Every structure is written in C-alpha cells, then in structure tokens.
C-alpha cells in the first residue's frame, strides 16, 4: 500500500473518531460522505439500533420540564398512561413543583407516613408502585412522578383522570 493510501486511512479513522465523539447520529450521517470502500464499509443502522442510540443519547434538563419528560419516557417503556399536562397539573396542585415538599400535617403524617415529593406520595405507595429503572428515593423527581403515575393508572386509569388529592 502506498504512503498516500495509509495517510488517507489515518485521516478517515480520525474523522470517524471525532464524529463518534460528537454524537452517534452525526457519525452515522457522515459515514457515507467519507467514501468507505471494501467489505469493511459501515452498514446502515437498523431502526431498533437507531432507537436505542437515540434513547441512550437523550438528556433531560434538571428541572420540572425535564423530570416530567424523563418520567414520560420511562412510563412509555412500561406501558403506564399519562400526559405531560395531566402530570404537570397534579404536580402544581400537590407540591408547586418542589421535589422536596413534605406534608407534615395531614392524616398520613399523623400516622407516621407523610406525603413526599412532587406528587406527594407516601412511602408504602411509593414502594408498591415503584417502577424499575428509577431511584428508590421518594424525593427523586423522576422516581416520584413515575411511581405516582403508576399508582394513578392502577387506581384511576391515568394521572390525567386525577383532579384532586388522591
């Protein structure tokens, strides 16, 4: 192989590495532009592989909007119904969006199990309706939302059907 051919391969390899660091999607889109030849040429990603890469690359802001959107993605994976609007409406009523909210005055608190988190879930309910893949901390916003929505789906059909304290 000529020195020129080796140099082209090195440049191509460096470009692929840089694109991979920039994001899998960018690398997949750019591979046809590189001009790969021979049996080692990249094959197009399958739809499942593309979906997995997109899911793995999804990041959410650390705020109410991000927590709801991440919860909705987890809920979709587990077949738990609910909408952004239904979840947001209930969070604003229950905690005003404060993930560290705790109710120390109602009957649950008097009985030793205060309601906690964004959707004011008591520990036994949180543990019974915890969704795999989320934290076991009831103050974790995504875990709290997802467990509460799982409970609401079991009890009311969906968080969207909840219009008062549950």
N, C-alpha and C. Protein backbone atom coordinates (compact mmCIF):
# COMPACT_ATOMS: atom_id res chain seq x y z
N UNK A 1 0.86 -1.19 0.00
CA UNK A 1 0.00 0.00 0.00
C UNK A 1 0.89 1.23 0.00
N UNK A 2 0.50 2.22 -0.72
CA UNK A 2 1.30 3.43 -0.82
C UNK A 2 1.19 4.26 0.46
N UNK A 3 2.15 5.12 0.65
CA UNK A 3 2.11 6.01 1.82
C UNK A 3 0.89 6.91 1.75
N UNK A 4 0.50 7.30 0.55
CA UNK A 4 -0.67 8.14 0.37
C UNK A 4 -1.93 7.41 0.83
N UNK A 5 -2.03 6.12 0.53
CA UNK A 5 -3.19 5.31 0.95
C UNK A 5 -3.25 5.17 2.46
N UNK A 6 -2.09 4.99 3.10
CA UNK A 6 -2.07 4.87 4.56
C UNK A 6 -2.50 6.19 5.21
N UNK A 7 -2.07 7.30 4.66
CA UNK A 7 -2.43 8.60 5.20
C UNK A 7 -3.94 8.82 5.09
N UNK A 8 -4.52 8.44 3.96
CA UNK A 8 -5.98 8.61 3.79
C UNK A 8 -6.72 7.80 4.84
N UNK A 9 -6.27 6.55 5.08
CA UNK A 9 -6.92 5.70 6.08
C UNK A 9 -6.83 6.34 7.47
N UNK A 10 -5.67 6.87 7.81
CA UNK A 10 -5.49 7.51 9.12
C UNK A 10 -6.40 8.71 9.27
N UNK A 11 -6.51 9.53 8.20
CA UNK A 11 -7.39 10.70 8.26
C UNK A 11 -8.84 10.27 8.42
N UNK A 12 -9.24 9.24 7.68
CA UNK A 12 -10.61 8.73 7.75
C UNK A 12 -10.91 8.22 9.15
N UNK A 13 -9.97 7.46 9.71
CA UNK A 13 -10.16 6.92 11.06
C UNK A 13 -10.29 8.05 12.08
N UNK A 14 -9.44 9.07 11.98
CA UNK A 14 -9.53 10.20 12.90
C UNK A 14 -10.86 10.92 12.76
N UNK A 15 -11.32 11.10 11.53
CA UNK A 15 -12.59 11.76 11.29
C UNK A 15 -13.74 10.96 11.90
N UNK A 16 -13.72 9.66 11.71
CA UNK A 16 -14.78 8.82 12.28
C UNK A 16 -14.77 8.92 13.80
N UNK A 17 -13.58 8.89 14.41
CA UNK A 17 -13.50 9.01 15.87
C UNK A 17 -14.05 10.35 16.35
N UNK A 18 -13.70 11.44 15.65
CA UNK A 18 -14.20 12.75 16.04
C UNK A 18 -15.71 12.83 15.91
N UNK A 19 -16.23 12.27 14.84
CA UNK A 19 -17.68 12.27 14.65
C UNK A 19 -18.37 11.42 15.72
N UNK A 20 -17.75 10.31 16.09
CA UNK A 20 -18.33 9.46 17.13
C UNK A 20 -18.37 10.21 18.45
N UNK A 21 -17.34 10.99 18.74
CA UNK A 21 -17.33 11.78 19.96
C UNK A 21 -18.39 12.87 19.92
N UNK A 22 -18.65 13.39 18.73
CA UNK A 22 -19.66 14.45 18.59
C UNK A 22 -21.06 13.90 18.75
N UNK A 23 -21.22 12.63 18.55
CA UNK A 23 -22.54 12.02 18.69
C UNK A 23 -22.73 10.95 17.65
N UNK A 24 -23.32 9.85 18.07
CA UNK A 24 -23.51 8.71 17.18
C UNK A 24 -24.29 9.09 15.94
N UNK A 25 -25.32 9.92 16.11
CA UNK A 25 -26.15 10.31 14.97
C UNK A 25 -25.34 11.03 13.91
N UNK A 26 -24.45 11.92 14.33
CA UNK A 26 -23.63 12.66 13.38
C UNK A 26 -22.69 11.72 12.64
N UNK A 27 -22.13 10.74 13.35
CA UNK A 27 -21.21 9.80 12.71
C UNK A 27 -21.94 8.95 11.69
N UNK A 28 -23.12 8.50 12.01
CA UNK A 28 -23.88 7.67 11.08
C UNK A 28 -24.22 8.46 9.83
N UNK A 29 -24.58 9.73 10.00
CA UNK A 29 -24.92 10.57 8.85
C UNK A 29 -23.69 10.87 8.00
N UNK A 30 -22.52 10.98 8.61
CA UNK A 30 -21.32 11.38 7.89
C UNK A 30 -20.60 10.21 7.24
N UNK A 31 -20.83 8.99 7.67
CA UNK A 31 -20.10 7.85 7.12
C UNK A 31 -20.22 7.74 5.61
N UNK A 32 -21.39 7.93 5.01
CA UNK A 32 -21.44 7.84 3.55
C UNK A 32 -20.59 8.91 2.87
N UNK A 33 -20.33 10.03 3.53
CA UNK A 33 -19.54 11.09 2.94
C UNK A 33 -18.05 10.78 2.95
N UNK A 34 -17.63 9.86 3.80
CA UNK A 34 -16.21 9.54 3.95
C UNK A 34 -15.71 8.75 2.75
N UNK A 35 -16.58 7.96 2.14
CA UNK A 35 -16.18 7.19 0.97
C UNK A 35 -15.54 5.87 1.35
N UNK A 36 -16.07 5.21 2.36
CA UNK A 36 -15.56 3.91 2.76
C UNK A 36 -15.75 2.93 1.62
N UNK A 37 -14.73 2.07 1.40
CA UNK A 37 -14.83 1.08 0.34
C UNK A 37 -14.48 -0.28 0.89
N UNK A 38 -14.85 -1.31 0.14
CA UNK A 38 -14.49 -2.66 0.52
C UNK A 38 -15.48 -3.27 1.48
N UNK A 39 -15.18 -4.49 1.93
CA UNK A 39 -16.07 -5.26 2.78
C UNK A 39 -16.21 -4.66 4.17
N UNK A 40 -15.30 -3.80 4.57
CA UNK A 40 -15.35 -3.23 5.91
C UNK A 40 -16.20 -1.96 5.99
N UNK A 41 -16.87 -1.61 4.90
CA UNK A 41 -17.70 -0.40 4.90
C UNK A 41 -18.82 -0.54 5.90
N UNK A 42 -19.20 0.57 6.53
CA UNK A 42 -20.27 0.57 7.53
C UNK A 42 -21.60 0.23 6.88
N UNK A 43 -22.43 -0.50 7.61
CA UNK A 43 -23.77 -0.81 7.13
C UNK A 43 -24.74 0.12 7.84
N UNK A 44 -25.85 0.44 7.20
CA UNK A 44 -26.82 1.34 7.84
C UNK A 44 -27.34 0.73 9.13
N UNK A 45 -27.62 1.58 10.10
CA UNK A 45 -28.15 1.12 11.38
C UNK A 45 -29.58 0.64 11.18
N UNK A 46 -29.94 -0.39 11.94
CA UNK A 46 -31.32 -0.88 11.89
C UNK A 46 -32.19 0.08 12.68
N UNK A 47 -33.50 0.10 12.43
CA UNK A 47 -34.36 1.00 13.20
C UNK A 47 -34.25 0.79 14.70
N UNK A 48 -34.14 -0.47 15.16
CA UNK A 48 -34.03 -0.74 16.60
C UNK A 48 -32.73 -0.16 17.15
N UNK A 49 -31.64 -0.33 16.40
CA UNK A 49 -30.35 0.21 16.86
C UNK A 49 -30.40 1.73 16.90
N UNK A 50 -31.04 2.34 15.92
CA UNK A 50 -31.17 3.79 15.90
C UNK A 50 -31.98 4.27 17.10
N UNK A 51 -33.08 3.57 17.41
CA UNK A 51 -33.92 3.95 18.54
C UNK A 51 -33.13 3.82 19.84
N UNK A 52 -32.38 2.71 19.99
CA UNK A 52 -31.59 2.51 21.20
C UNK A 52 -30.55 3.61 21.34
N UNK A 53 -29.86 3.95 20.25
CA UNK A 53 -28.85 5.00 20.31
C UNK A 53 -29.49 6.33 20.66
N UNK A 54 -30.66 6.61 20.10
CA UNK A 54 -31.34 7.87 20.39
C UNK A 54 -31.77 7.92 21.85
N UNK A 55 -32.29 6.80 22.37
CA UNK A 55 -32.72 6.75 23.76
C UNK A 55 -31.53 6.93 24.70
N UNK A 56 -30.42 6.27 24.38
CA UNK A 56 -29.24 6.37 25.23
C UNK A 56 -28.67 7.79 25.22
N UNK A 57 -28.85 8.49 24.12
CA UNK A 57 -28.29 9.83 23.99
C UNK A 57 -29.21 10.91 24.54
N UNK A 58 -30.43 10.56 24.91
CA UNK A 58 -31.38 11.55 25.40
C UNK A 58 -30.93 12.09 26.75
N UNK A 59 -30.88 13.40 26.85
CA UNK A 59 -30.60 14.03 28.13
C UNK A 59 -31.77 14.95 28.45
N UNK A 60 -31.99 15.14 29.71
CA UNK A 60 -33.12 15.95 30.18
C UNK A 60 -32.60 17.05 31.08
N UNK A 61 -33.19 18.23 30.99
CA UNK A 61 -32.78 19.29 31.91
C UNK A 61 -33.17 18.93 33.35
N UNK A 62 -32.39 19.39 34.30
CA UNK A 62 -32.67 19.12 35.71
C UNK A 62 -33.64 20.18 36.24
N UNK A 63 -34.87 20.08 35.71
CA UNK A 63 -35.93 20.99 36.14
C UNK A 63 -37.27 20.28 35.95
N UNK A 64 -38.36 20.92 36.32
CA UNK A 64 -39.66 20.28 36.26
C UNK A 64 -39.98 19.75 34.87
N UNK A 65 -39.72 20.53 33.84
CA UNK A 65 -39.98 20.08 32.48
C UNK A 65 -39.19 18.81 32.16
N UNK A 66 -37.91 18.79 32.49
CA UNK A 66 -37.06 17.63 32.23
C UNK A 66 -37.51 16.41 33.01
N UNK A 67 -37.90 16.61 34.28
CA UNK A 67 -38.34 15.47 35.10
C UNK A 67 -39.61 14.85 34.54
N UNK A 68 -40.54 15.69 34.12
CA UNK A 68 -41.78 15.17 33.55
C UNK A 68 -41.48 14.43 32.25
N UNK A 69 -40.67 15.01 31.39
CA UNK A 69 -40.36 14.37 30.11
C UNK A 69 -39.62 13.04 30.30
N UNK A 70 -38.69 13.00 31.23
CA UNK A 70 -37.98 11.74 31.51
C UNK A 70 -38.94 10.71 32.07
N UNK A 71 -39.82 11.13 32.97
CA UNK A 71 -40.82 10.21 33.52
C UNK A 71 -41.72 9.66 32.42
N UNK A 72 -42.15 10.53 31.51
CA UNK A 72 -43.00 10.08 30.40
C UNK A 72 -42.28 9.03 29.55
N UNK A 73 -40.99 9.19 29.34
CA UNK A 73 -40.23 8.18 28.59
C UNK A 73 -40.18 6.85 29.35
N UNK A 74 -39.94 6.90 30.65
CA UNK A 74 -39.93 5.68 31.46
C UNK A 74 -41.32 5.05 31.45
N UNK A 75 -42.34 5.88 31.61
CA UNK A 75 -43.72 5.38 31.61
C UNK A 75 -44.05 4.70 30.28
N UNK A 76 -43.62 5.27 29.18
CA UNK A 76 -43.88 4.67 27.86
C UNK A 76 -43.23 3.29 27.76
N UNK A 77 -42.04 3.15 28.32
CA UNK A 77 -41.35 1.85 28.29
C UNK A 77 -42.10 0.80 29.10
N UNK A 78 -42.87 1.23 30.09
CA UNK A 78 -43.56 0.29 30.98
C UNK A 78 -45.08 0.27 30.74
N UNK A 79 -45.54 0.96 29.73
CA UNK A 79 -46.97 0.96 29.40
C UNK A 79 -47.84 1.68 30.41
N UNK A 80 -47.30 2.69 31.07
CA UNK A 80 -48.05 3.47 32.05
C UNK A 80 -48.60 4.71 31.34
N UNK A 81 -49.93 4.88 31.34
CA UNK A 81 -50.50 6.03 30.63
C UNK A 81 -50.33 7.33 31.40
N UNK A 82 -50.41 8.42 30.68
CA UNK A 82 -50.34 9.75 31.29
C UNK A 82 -49.85 10.76 30.27
N UNK A 83 -50.19 12.01 30.50
CA UNK A 83 -49.76 13.07 29.59
C UNK A 83 -48.98 14.12 30.37
N UNK A 84 -48.22 14.90 29.64
CA UNK A 84 -47.47 15.99 30.24
C UNK A 84 -48.41 16.92 31.01
N UNK A 85 -49.51 17.31 30.37
CA UNK A 85 -50.44 18.25 31.00
C UNK A 85 -51.05 17.69 32.28
N UNK A 86 -51.46 16.42 32.25
CA UNK A 86 -52.04 15.80 33.45
C UNK A 86 -51.05 15.72 34.59
N UNK A 87 -49.82 15.36 34.29
CA UNK A 87 -48.78 15.27 35.32
C UNK A 87 -48.47 16.67 35.86
N UNK A 88 -48.27 17.62 34.97
CA UNK A 88 -47.93 18.99 35.39
C UNK A 88 -49.02 19.58 36.27
N UNK A 89 -50.28 19.41 35.86
CA UNK A 89 -51.41 19.95 36.63
C UNK A 89 -51.40 19.40 38.05
N UNK A 90 -51.19 18.10 38.20
CA UNK A 90 -51.20 17.48 39.52
C UNK A 90 -49.98 17.86 40.35
N UNK A 91 -48.84 18.00 39.72
CA UNK A 91 -47.64 18.43 40.45
C UNK A 91 -47.85 19.83 41.01
N UNK A 92 -48.38 20.73 40.20
CA UNK A 92 -48.57 22.10 40.66
C UNK A 92 -49.55 22.16 41.83
N UNK A 93 -50.57 21.32 41.83
CA UNK A 93 -51.52 21.29 42.94
C UNK A 93 -50.90 20.68 44.19
N UNK A 94 -50.15 19.61 44.01
CA UNK A 94 -49.62 18.86 45.16
C UNK A 94 -48.40 19.49 45.81
N UNK A 95 -47.46 20.03 45.01
CA UNK A 95 -46.19 20.50 45.58
C UNK A 95 -45.70 21.82 45.02
N UNK A 96 -46.43 22.42 44.13
CA UNK A 96 -45.99 23.64 43.43
C UNK A 96 -44.65 23.45 42.73
N UNK A 97 -44.32 22.20 42.39
CA UNK A 97 -43.08 21.91 41.67
C UNK A 97 -41.86 21.73 42.55
N UNK A 98 -42.04 21.61 43.86
CA UNK A 98 -40.93 21.44 44.79
C UNK A 98 -40.69 19.94 45.03
N UNK A 99 -39.58 19.38 44.53
CA UNK A 99 -39.34 17.95 44.71
C UNK A 99 -39.06 17.54 46.15
N UNK A 100 -38.77 18.52 47.02
CA UNK A 100 -38.50 18.22 48.43
C UNK A 100 -39.70 18.50 49.33
N UNK A 101 -40.85 18.74 48.73
CA UNK A 101 -42.06 19.03 49.51
C UNK A 101 -42.42 17.83 50.39
N UNK A 102 -42.88 18.14 51.59
CA UNK A 102 -43.35 17.10 52.51
C UNK A 102 -44.55 17.65 53.27
N UNK A 103 -45.54 16.82 53.44
CA UNK A 103 -46.74 17.22 54.15
C UNK A 103 -46.65 16.64 55.56
N UNK A 104 -46.44 17.49 56.54
CA UNK A 104 -46.31 17.04 57.93
C UNK A 104 -47.56 17.31 58.75
N UNK A 105 -48.71 17.57 58.11
CA UNK A 105 -49.88 17.93 58.90
C UNK A 105 -51.11 17.07 58.63
N UNK A 106 -51.19 16.33 57.50
CA UNK A 106 -52.42 15.57 57.22
C UNK A 106 -52.45 14.24 57.98
N UNK A 107 -53.48 13.46 57.76
CA UNK A 107 -53.67 12.19 58.48
C UNK A 107 -52.53 11.22 58.20
N UNK A 108 -51.96 11.25 56.99
CA UNK A 108 -50.82 10.38 56.71
C UNK A 108 -49.64 10.74 57.61
N UNK A 109 -49.39 12.03 57.76
CA UNK A 109 -48.29 12.47 58.62
C UNK A 109 -48.56 12.10 60.08
N UNK A 110 -49.80 12.30 60.52
CA UNK A 110 -50.17 11.94 61.90
C UNK A 110 -49.93 10.45 62.14
N UNK A 111 -50.16 9.64 61.09
CA UNK A 111 -49.95 8.19 61.20
C UNK A 111 -48.50 7.77 60.96
N UNK A 112 -47.60 8.75 60.74
CA UNK A 112 -46.18 8.45 60.60
C UNK A 112 -45.69 8.23 59.18
N UNK A 113 -46.55 8.46 58.19
CA UNK A 113 -46.12 8.30 56.80
C UNK A 113 -46.48 9.55 55.99
N UNK A 114 -45.71 10.61 56.15
CA UNK A 114 -46.03 11.86 55.44
C UNK A 114 -45.89 11.70 53.93
N UNK A 115 -46.67 12.48 53.22
CA UNK A 115 -46.60 12.52 51.76
C UNK A 115 -45.35 13.29 51.36
N UNK A 116 -44.66 12.81 50.31
CA UNK A 116 -43.37 13.38 49.94
C UNK A 116 -43.27 13.63 48.44
N UNK A 117 -42.46 14.62 48.09
CA UNK A 117 -42.06 14.82 46.71
C UNK A 117 -43.05 15.58 45.86
N UNK A 118 -42.77 15.59 44.57
CA UNK A 118 -43.56 16.36 43.61
C UNK A 118 -45.03 16.00 43.61
N UNK A 119 -45.34 14.70 43.71
CA UNK A 119 -46.73 14.27 43.65
C UNK A 119 -47.22 13.73 45.00
N UNK A 120 -46.51 14.08 46.07
CA UNK A 120 -46.95 13.80 47.44
C UNK A 120 -47.39 12.34 47.63
N UNK A 121 -46.42 11.45 47.47
CA UNK A 121 -46.64 10.01 47.60
C UNK A 121 -46.15 9.57 48.98
N UNK A 122 -46.94 8.72 49.65
CA UNK A 122 -46.48 8.17 50.93
C UNK A 122 -45.57 6.97 50.64
N UNK A 123 -44.67 6.66 51.58
CA UNK A 123 -43.68 5.62 51.36
C UNK A 123 -44.28 4.26 50.95
N UNK A 124 -45.33 3.75 51.62
CA UNK A 124 -45.86 2.45 51.21
C UNK A 124 -46.37 2.44 49.76
N UNK A 125 -46.99 3.53 49.34
CA UNK A 125 -47.47 3.62 47.96
C UNK A 125 -46.29 3.71 47.00
N UNK A 126 -45.30 4.52 47.36
CA UNK A 126 -44.11 4.64 46.52
C UNK A 126 -43.45 3.27 46.33
N UNK A 127 -43.29 2.53 47.41
CA UNK A 127 -42.64 1.22 47.33
C UNK A 127 -43.48 0.22 46.54
N UNK A 128 -44.79 0.26 46.70
CA UNK A 128 -45.67 -0.67 45.99
C UNK A 128 -45.73 -0.37 44.50
N UNK A 129 -45.62 0.89 44.12
CA UNK A 129 -45.77 1.29 42.72
C UNK A 129 -44.47 1.78 42.08
N UNK A 130 -43.35 1.56 42.77
CA UNK A 130 -42.04 1.92 42.22
C UNK A 130 -41.88 1.27 40.84
N UNK A 131 -41.27 1.99 39.92
CA UNK A 131 -41.06 1.49 38.57
C UNK A 131 -39.57 1.19 38.36
N UNK A 132 -39.30 -0.01 37.89
CA UNK A 132 -37.93 -0.45 37.65
C UNK A 132 -37.20 0.54 36.74
N UNK A 133 -35.95 0.79 37.09
CA UNK A 133 -35.14 1.72 36.31
C UNK A 133 -35.12 3.12 36.91
N UNK A 134 -35.92 3.35 37.96
CA UNK A 134 -35.90 4.64 38.64
C UNK A 134 -35.33 4.45 40.04
N UNK A 135 -34.97 5.55 40.66
CA UNK A 135 -34.40 5.55 42.00
C UNK A 135 -35.42 5.04 43.03
N UNK A 136 -34.91 4.52 44.13
CA UNK A 136 -35.78 4.13 45.25
C UNK A 136 -35.98 5.28 46.23
N UNK A 137 -35.49 6.46 45.90
CA UNK A 137 -35.63 7.63 46.75
C UNK A 137 -36.95 8.34 46.40
N UNK A 138 -37.90 8.42 47.34
CA UNK A 138 -39.19 9.06 47.02
C UNK A 138 -39.07 10.55 46.71
N UNK A 139 -37.94 11.17 47.07
CA UNK A 139 -37.73 12.58 46.73
C UNK A 139 -37.11 12.75 45.34
N UNK A 140 -36.64 11.67 44.74
CA UNK A 140 -36.11 11.76 43.38
C UNK A 140 -37.28 12.13 42.46
N UNK A 141 -37.18 13.24 41.74
CA UNK A 141 -38.33 13.72 40.96
C UNK A 141 -38.87 12.70 39.95
N UNK A 142 -37.98 12.05 39.20
CA UNK A 142 -38.44 11.10 38.18
C UNK A 142 -39.06 9.87 38.83
N UNK A 143 -38.45 9.37 39.89
CA UNK A 143 -38.99 8.21 40.58
C UNK A 143 -40.34 8.53 41.20
N UNK A 144 -40.47 9.72 41.78
CA UNK A 144 -41.71 10.13 42.43
C UNK A 144 -42.84 10.26 41.40
N UNK A 145 -42.56 10.94 40.30
CA UNK A 145 -43.57 11.12 39.25
C UNK A 145 -43.99 9.76 38.69
N UNK A 146 -43.02 8.94 38.38
CA UNK A 146 -43.31 7.66 37.73
C UNK A 146 -44.09 6.73 38.64
N UNK A 147 -43.71 6.65 39.91
CA UNK A 147 -44.45 5.81 40.85
C UNK A 147 -45.87 6.33 41.05
N UNK A 148 -46.01 7.65 41.19
CA UNK A 148 -47.34 8.24 41.37
C UNK A 148 -48.22 7.99 40.15
N UNK A 149 -47.65 8.10 38.97
CA UNK A 149 -48.43 7.85 37.75
C UNK A 149 -48.79 6.37 37.62
N UNK A 150 -47.91 5.50 38.07
CA UNK A 150 -48.20 4.06 38.07
C UNK A 150 -49.37 3.77 39.02
N UNK A 151 -49.34 4.39 40.19
CA UNK A 151 -50.45 4.27 41.15
C UNK A 151 -51.74 4.82 40.57
N UNK A 152 -51.68 6.02 40.00
CA UNK A 152 -52.88 6.65 39.44
C UNK A 152 -53.44 5.82 38.28
N UNK A 153 -52.58 5.21 37.49
CA UNK A 153 -53.04 4.36 36.39
C UNK A 153 -53.79 3.15 36.94
N UNK A 154 -53.26 2.57 38.01
CA UNK A 154 -53.91 1.41 38.63
C UNK A 154 -55.24 1.78 39.27
N UNK A 155 -55.27 2.91 39.90
CA UNK A 155 -56.45 3.32 40.67
C UNK A 155 -57.49 4.09 39.85
N UNK A 156 -57.03 4.95 38.93
CA UNK A 156 -57.93 5.86 38.21
C UNK A 156 -57.87 5.73 36.69
N UNK A 157 -57.00 4.87 36.18
CA UNK A 157 -56.84 4.70 34.74
C UNK A 157 -55.72 5.53 34.17
N UNK A 158 -55.41 6.65 34.79
CA UNK A 158 -54.32 7.52 34.34
C UNK A 158 -54.22 8.73 35.29
N UNK A 159 -53.06 9.31 35.37
CA UNK A 159 -52.89 10.56 36.13
C UNK A 159 -53.77 11.65 35.51
N UNK A 160 -54.06 11.52 34.23
CA UNK A 160 -54.91 12.51 33.55
C UNK A 160 -56.32 12.55 34.13
N UNK A 161 -56.73 11.49 34.81
CA UNK A 161 -58.08 11.42 35.41
C UNK A 161 -58.13 11.91 36.84
N UNK A 162 -57.02 12.39 37.36
CA UNK A 162 -56.93 12.85 38.75
C UNK A 162 -57.07 14.38 38.77
N UNK A 163 -58.11 14.86 39.46
CA UNK A 163 -58.35 16.30 39.53
C UNK A 163 -58.43 16.82 40.96
N UNK A 164 -57.97 16.01 41.91
CA UNK A 164 -57.96 16.39 43.30
C UNK A 164 -56.98 15.49 44.04
N UNK A 165 -56.89 15.69 45.33
CA UNK A 165 -56.00 14.84 46.13
C UNK A 165 -56.35 13.38 45.91
N UNK A 166 -55.36 12.58 45.78
CA UNK A 166 -55.57 11.15 45.55
C UNK A 166 -54.92 10.42 46.65
